[in-house]
Amino acid sequence: MEAVVHREAPGIPVIDLFADAPAADPAASANLLAAYAVWFPADTIFLCVVDPGDLPHFVW
């Protein structure tokens, strides 16, 4: 994803906030993001991806 952002919007900074967010827990990741978001400018765009972890009950 970062490569596409850099290609389509060169010069726009991309920041990885945390790579160790809890897997398969979007609510916990949302809480972490809310805590960090206050430190960013109001017009910041957040693209968030939550690792689904090992969820064998999903059928792909």
Protein backbone atom coordinates (compact mmCIF):
# COMPACT_ATOMS: atom_id res chain seq x y z
CA MET A 1 0.00 0.00 0.00
CA GLU A 2 2.76 2.42 0.85
CA ALA A 3 4.29 2.03 -2.59
CA VAL A 4 1.00 3.02 -4.21
CA VAL A 5 0.64 6.06 -1.92
CA HIS A 6 4.18 7.14 -2.79
CA ARG A 7 3.48 6.65 -6.50
CA GLU A 8 0.12 8.43 -6.52
CA ALA A 9 0.95 11.16 -3.99
CA PRO A 10 4.70 11.73 -4.03
CA GLY A 11 5.93 13.87 -1.19
CA ILE A 12 3.05 12.98 1.11
CA PRO A 13 4.46 11.50 4.32
CA VAL A 14 3.47 7.96 5.29
CA ILE A 15 3.84 7.07 8.96
CA ASP A 16 3.55 3.58 10.43
CA LEU A 17 2.12 4.23 13.87
CA PHE A 18 2.30 0.74 15.29
CA ALA A 19 3.06 -2.61 13.79
CA ASP A 20 2.29 -4.49 16.98
CA ALA A 21 -1.41 -3.66 17.33
CA PRO A 22 -3.43 -6.62 18.59
CA ALA A 23 -4.21 -9.00 15.72
CA ALA A 24 -7.87 -9.71 14.99
CA ASP A 25 -8.99 -6.94 17.35
CA PRO A 26 -10.19 -3.89 15.40
CA ALA A 27 -11.69 -2.32 18.54
CA ALA A 28 -8.36 -2.36 20.36
CA SER A 29 -6.63 -0.93 17.30
CA ALA A 30 -9.29 1.78 17.05
CA ASN A 31 -8.67 2.74 20.67
CA LEU A 32 -4.93 2.98 20.02
CA LEU A 33 -5.52 5.09 16.93
CA ALA A 34 -7.85 7.43 18.83
CA ALA A 35 -5.15 7.94 21.46
CA TYR A 36 -2.55 8.83 18.81
CA ALA A 37 -4.84 10.83 16.51
CA VAL A 38 -4.95 13.86 18.78
CA TRP A 39 -1.28 14.51 17.96
CA PHE A 40 -1.92 14.86 14.21
CA PRO A 41 -3.28 17.86 12.27
CA ALA A 42 -7.06 17.98 11.89
CA ASP A 43 -6.90 17.29 8.14
CA THR A 44 -4.84 14.09 8.53
CA ILE A 45 -6.08 11.06 6.61
CA PHE A 46 -5.62 7.72 8.36
CA LEU A 47 -5.48 4.47 6.42
CA CYS A 48 -5.74 1.63 8.91
CA VAL A 49 -5.19 -2.07 8.36
CA VAL A 50 -5.79 -4.59 11.15
CA ASP A 51 -4.07 -7.97 10.87
CA PRO A 52 -6.81 -10.59 10.91
CA GLY A 53 -4.48 -13.02 12.67
CA ASP A 54 -5.01 -16.74 12.34
CA LEU A 55 -8.75 -17.11 11.92
CA PRO A 56 -9.35 -20.63 10.58
CA HIS A 57 -13.13 -20.23 10.72
CA PHE A 58 -13.02 -17.81 7.77
CA VAL A 59 -13.48 -19.41 4.37
CA TRP A 60 -11.59 -17.56 1.68
